[in-house]
C-alpha atoms as a PDB file:
ATOM      1  CA  MET A   1      10.254 -27.594  -8.149  1.00  0.00           C
ATOM      2  CA  LEU A   2      10.222 -24.533  -5.913  1.00  0.00           C
ATOM      3  CA  ASN A   3      11.317 -24.847  -2.303  1.00  0.00           C
ATOM      4  CA  LYS A   4       8.643 -22.635  -0.753  1.00  0.00           C
ATOM      5  CA  ILE A   5       5.522 -20.724  -1.801  1.00  0.00           C
ATOM      6  CA  LEU A   6       3.386 -18.306   0.195  1.00  0.00           C
ATOM      7  CA  CYS A   7      -0.344 -18.173  -0.592  1.00  0.00           C
ATOM      8  CA  ILE A   8      -2.099 -15.042   0.688  1.00  0.00           C
ATOM      9  CA  ASP A   9      -5.902 -15.279   0.663  1.00  0.00           C
ATOM     10  CA  ASP A  10      -8.675 -14.721   3.194  1.00  0.00           C
ATOM     11  CA  ASP A  11     -10.760 -17.652   1.917  1.00  0.00           C
ATOM     12  CA  GLN A  12      -9.870 -20.928   3.657  1.00  0.00           C
ATOM     13  CA  ILE A  13     -11.350 -23.029   0.838  1.00  0.00           C
ATOM     14  CA  THR A  14      -9.199 -21.198  -1.717  1.00  0.00           C
ATOM     15  CA  LEU A  15      -6.109 -21.788   0.441  1.00  0.00           C
ATOM     16  CA  MET A  16      -6.965 -25.490   0.804  1.00  0.00           C
ATOM     17  CA  LEU A  17      -7.498 -25.825  -2.963  1.00  0.00           C
ATOM     18  CA  CYS A  18      -4.248 -23.966  -3.632  1.00  0.00           C
ATOM     19  CA  LYS A  19      -2.340 -26.338  -1.358  1.00  0.00           C
ATOM     20  CA  MET A  20      -3.909 -29.416  -2.946  1.00  0.00           C
ATOM     21  CA  VAL A  21      -3.227 -28.345  -6.539  1.00  0.00           C
ATOM     22  CA  ILE A  22       0.352 -27.272  -5.779  1.00  0.00           C
ATOM     23  CA  ALA A  23       1.083 -30.532  -3.950  1.00  0.00           C
ATOM     24  CA  LYS A  24      -0.459 -32.731  -6.691  1.00  0.00           C
ATOM     25  CA  ALA A  25       1.498 -30.877  -9.374  1.00  0.00           C
ATOM     26  CA  SER A  26       4.757 -31.232  -7.401  1.00  0.00           C
ATOM     27  CA  PHE A  27       5.210 -27.489  -7.849  1.00  0.00           C
ATOM     28  CA  SER A  28       6.677 -26.713  -4.412  1.00  0.00           C
ATOM     29  CA  ASN A  29       8.163 -28.570  -1.450  1.00  0.00           C
ATOM     30  CA  GLU A  30       6.523 -26.296   1.125  1.00  0.00           C
ATOM     31  CA  ILE A  31       3.419 -24.113   1.103  1.00  0.00           C
ATOM     32  CA  ALA A  32       2.944 -21.388   3.701  1.00  0.00           C
ATOM     33  CA  THR A  33      -0.294 -19.416   4.005  1.00  0.00           C
ATOM     34  CA  ALA A  34      -1.446 -16.053   5.281  1.00  0.00           C
ATOM     35  CA  LYS A  35      -5.070 -14.881   5.560  1.00  0.00           C
ATOM     36  CA  ASN A  36      -4.389 -11.241   4.620  1.00  0.00           C
ATOM     37  CA  GLY A  37      -1.623  -8.812   3.772  1.00  0.00           C
ATOM     38  CA  GLU A  38      -0.914  -7.944   7.388  1.00  0.00           C
ATOM     39  CA  ASP A  39      -0.391 -11.597   8.309  1.00  0.00           C
ATOM     40  CA  ALA A  40       1.903 -11.958   5.297  1.00  0.00           C
ATOM     41  CA  LEU A  41       4.014  -8.967   6.339  1.00  0.00           C
ATOM     42  CA  ASN A  42       4.219 -10.424   9.863  1.00  0.00           C
ATOM     43  CA  PHE A  43       5.397 -13.696   8.271  1.00  0.00           C
ATOM     44  CA  PHE A  44       8.207 -11.822   6.496  1.00  0.00           C
ATOM     45  CA  ASP A  45       9.058  -9.852   9.662  1.00  0.00           C
ATOM     46  CA  ILE A  46       9.560 -13.173  11.467  1.00  0.00           C
ATOM     47  CA  LEU A  47      11.724 -14.466   8.610  1.00  0.00           C
ATOM     48  CA  LYS A  48      13.910 -11.356   8.873  1.00  0.00           C
ATOM     49  CA  THR A  49      14.734 -12.111  12.493  1.00  0.00           C
ATOM     50  CA  SER A  50      15.053 -15.891  12.220  1.00  0.00           C
ATOM     51  CA  ASP A  51      17.887 -18.182  11.236  1.00  0.00           C
ATOM     52  CA  LYS A  52      19.467 -16.996   7.981  1.00  0.00           C
ATOM     53  CA  ASN A  53      19.374 -20.583   6.666  1.00  0.00           C
ATOM     54  CA  ILE A  54      15.577 -20.724   6.802  1.00  0.00           C
ATOM     55  CA  ILE A  55      13.925 -21.194   3.429  1.00  0.00           C
ATOM     56  CA  LYS A  56      12.324 -18.017   2.115  1.00  0.00           C
ATOM     57  CA  PRO A  57       9.382 -18.111  -0.296  1.00  0.00           C
ATOM     58  CA  GLU A  58      10.409 -17.963  -3.928  1.00  0.00           C
ATOM     59  CA  LEU A  59       6.871 -17.218  -5.077  1.00  0.00           C
ATOM     60  CA  ILE A  60       3.763 -15.549  -3.654  1.00  0.00           C
ATOM     61  CA  PHE A  61       0.225 -16.167  -4.835  1.00  0.00           C
ATOM     62  CA  LEU A  62      -1.642 -13.009  -3.811  1.00  0.00           C
ATOM     63  CA  ASP A  63      -5.371 -12.309  -3.622  1.00  0.00           C
ATOM     64  CA  LEU A  64      -6.418  -8.664  -3.956  1.00  0.00           C
ATOM     65  CA  ASN A  65      -9.686  -8.468  -2.028  1.00  0.00           C
ATOM     66  CA  MET A  66      -9.078  -9.280   1.629  1.00  0.00           C
ATOM     67  CA  PRO A  67     -10.048  -7.696   4.939  1.00  0.00           C
ATOM     68  CA  ILE A  68      -7.595  -5.959   7.291  1.00  0.00           C
ATOM     69  CA  MET A  69      -4.933  -5.436   4.588  1.00  0.00           C
ATOM     70  CA  ASN A  70      -5.783  -6.089   0.952  1.00  0.00           C
ATOM     71  CA  GLY A  71      -3.410  -7.197  -1.794  1.00  0.00           C
ATOM     72  CA  TRP A  72      -2.699  -3.676  -3.027  1.00  0.00           C
ATOM     73  CA  GLU A  73      -1.778  -2.515   0.481  1.00  0.00           C
ATOM     74  CA  PHE A  74       0.456  -5.572   0.866  1.00  0.00           C
ATOM     75  CA  LEU A  75       2.206  -4.776  -2.420  1.00  0.00           C
ATOM     76  CA  GLU A  76       2.778  -1.151  -1.394  1.00  0.00           C
ATOM     77  CA  ALA A  77       4.344  -2.223   1.917  1.00  0.00           C
ATOM     78  CA  PHE A  78       6.279  -5.207   0.529  1.00  0.00           C
ATOM     79  CA  ASN A  79       7.795  -3.071  -2.223  1.00  0.00           C
ATOM     80  CA  THR A  80       9.574  -0.852   0.323  1.00  0.00           C
ATOM     81  CA  GLU A  81      13.180  -0.946   1.472  1.00  0.00           C
ATOM     82  CA  LYS A  82      12.077  -2.679   4.703  1.00  0.00           C
ATOM     83  CA  TYR A  83      11.461  -5.878   2.715  1.00  0.00           C
ATOM     84  CA  ALA A  84      14.312  -5.446   0.197  1.00  0.00           C
ATOM     85  CA  GLU A  85      15.913  -8.760   1.143  1.00  0.00           C
ATOM     86  CA  PHE A  86      12.801 -10.498  -0.238  1.00  0.00           C
ATOM     87  CA  HIS A  87      12.601  -8.558  -3.501  1.00  0.00           C
ATOM     88  CA  ASN A  88      13.786 -11.582  -5.478  1.00  0.00           C
ATOM     89  CA  THR A  89      10.473 -13.251  -4.548  1.00  0.00           C
ATOM     90  CA  LYS A  90       8.147 -13.308  -7.531  1.00  0.00           C
ATOM     91  CA  ILE A  91       4.459 -12.453  -7.094  1.00  0.00           C
ATOM     92  CA  ILE A  92       1.491 -13.816  -9.012  1.00  0.00           C
ATOM     93  CA  ILE A  93      -1.807 -12.050  -8.418  1.00  0.00           C
ATOM     94  CA  LEU A  94      -4.637 -14.584  -8.302  1.00  0.00           C
ATOM     95  CA  SER A  95      -7.918 -12.750  -8.365  1.00  0.00           C
ATOM     96  CA  SER A  96     -11.536 -13.138  -9.349  1.00  0.00           C
ATOM     97  CA  THR A  97     -11.618  -9.502 -10.477  1.00  0.00           C
ATOM     98  CA  ILE A  98     -12.271  -8.717 -14.113  1.00  0.00           C
ATOM     99  CA  ASP A  99     -11.443  -5.025 -13.818  1.00  0.00           C
ATOM    100  CA  PRO A 100      -8.866  -4.101 -16.515  1.00  0.00           C
ATOM    101  CA  GLY A 101      -7.738  -1.285 -14.213  1.00  0.00           C
ATOM    102  CA  ASP A 102      -6.472  -3.877 -11.722  1.00  0.00           C
ATOM    103  CA  LEU A 103      -4.346  -5.506 -14.397  1.00  0.00           C
ATOM    104  CA  GLU A 104      -2.867  -2.130 -15.341  1.00  0.00           C
ATOM    105  CA  LYS A 105      -2.281  -1.223 -11.692  1.00  0.00           C
ATOM    106  CA  SER A 106      -0.430  -4.523 -11.130  1.00  0.00           C
ATOM    107  CA  LYS A 107       2.110  -3.528 -13.795  1.00  0.00           C
ATOM    108  CA  LYS A 108       3.344  -0.734 -11.498  1.00  0.00           C
ATOM    109  CA  PHE A 109       4.838  -3.335  -9.174  1.00  0.00           C
ATOM    110  CA  PRO A 110       8.055  -4.862 -10.551  1.00  0.00           C
ATOM    111  CA  LEU A 111       7.752  -7.952  -8.329  1.00  0.00           C
ATOM    112  CA  VAL A 112       4.419  -8.909  -9.930  1.00  0.00           C
ATOM    113  CA  ILE A 113       5.152 -11.193 -12.856  1.00  0.00           C
ATOM    114  CA  ASP A 114       1.592 -12.171 -13.766  1.00  0.00           C
ATOM    115  CA  PHE A 115      -2.093 -11.574 -13.064  1.00  0.00           C
ATOM    116  CA  LEU A 116      -4.167 -14.752 -13.298  1.00  0.00           C
ATOM    117  CA  PRO A 117      -7.790 -15.678 -12.611  1.00  0.00           C
ATOM    118  CA  LYS A 118      -8.886 -17.783  -9.665  1.00  0.00           C
ATOM    119  CA  PRO A 119      -8.986 -20.663  -9.017  1.00  0.00           C
ATOM    120  CA  ILE A 120      -5.497 -22.037  -9.377  1.00  0.00           C
ATOM    121  CA  SER A 121      -5.222 -25.051 -11.662  1.00  0.00           C
ATOM    122  CA  LYS A 122      -2.654 -27.638 -12.704  1.00  0.00           C
ATOM    123  CA  GLU A 123      -2.598 -26.060 -16.177  1.00  0.00           C
ATOM    124  CA  MET A 124      -1.843 -22.688 -14.639  1.00  0.00           C
ATOM    125  CA  LEU A 125       1.083 -24.182 -12.730  1.00  0.00           C
ATOM    126  CA  GLU A 126       2.427 -25.767 -15.937  1.00  0.00           C
ATOM    127  CA  TYR A 127       2.258 -22.331 -17.588  1.00  0.00           C
ATOM    128  CA  LEU A 128       4.095 -20.791 -14.614  1.00  0.00           C
ATOM    129  CA  LYS A 129       6.876 -23.400 -14.705  1.00  0.00           C
ATOM    130  CA  ASP A 130       7.909 -22.021 -18.088  1.00  0.00           C
ATOM    131  CA  LYS A 131       7.464 -18.410 -17.028  1.00  0.00           C
ATOM    132  CA  ILE A 132       9.407 -18.742 -13.769  1.00  0.00           C
ATOM    133  CA  GLN A 133      12.026 -21.030 -15.345  1.00  0.00           C
ATOM    134  CA  PHE A 134      12.792 -23.381 -12.526  1.00  0.00           C
END
């Protein structure tokens, strides 16, 4: 079981479903959420200045299409030296897009370990347990 996951999505229903499925599957002890990339970066900025013993997310579920700061913009910013202390955090893109170009683009980001379709499911989490090896 992971200690902490961050789900980044602008849709409240998707976030609620994500929390429910993760909790039922006993996939993570704690689930944090952010409604867009900017909120997620603010979340990490707060972590940088808080107690060093605070639990950092081990995994991010990231939507691509969001207002204010989309998933691609988040990835560009998160992949910089400013957030280097979090670069052991794995990222799973969860998207409803079917554009093969998005899948190819995701491969440019070393922190992205998979690109999966929405919505999250218990079967998807079982698949990820093997992939993440926890």
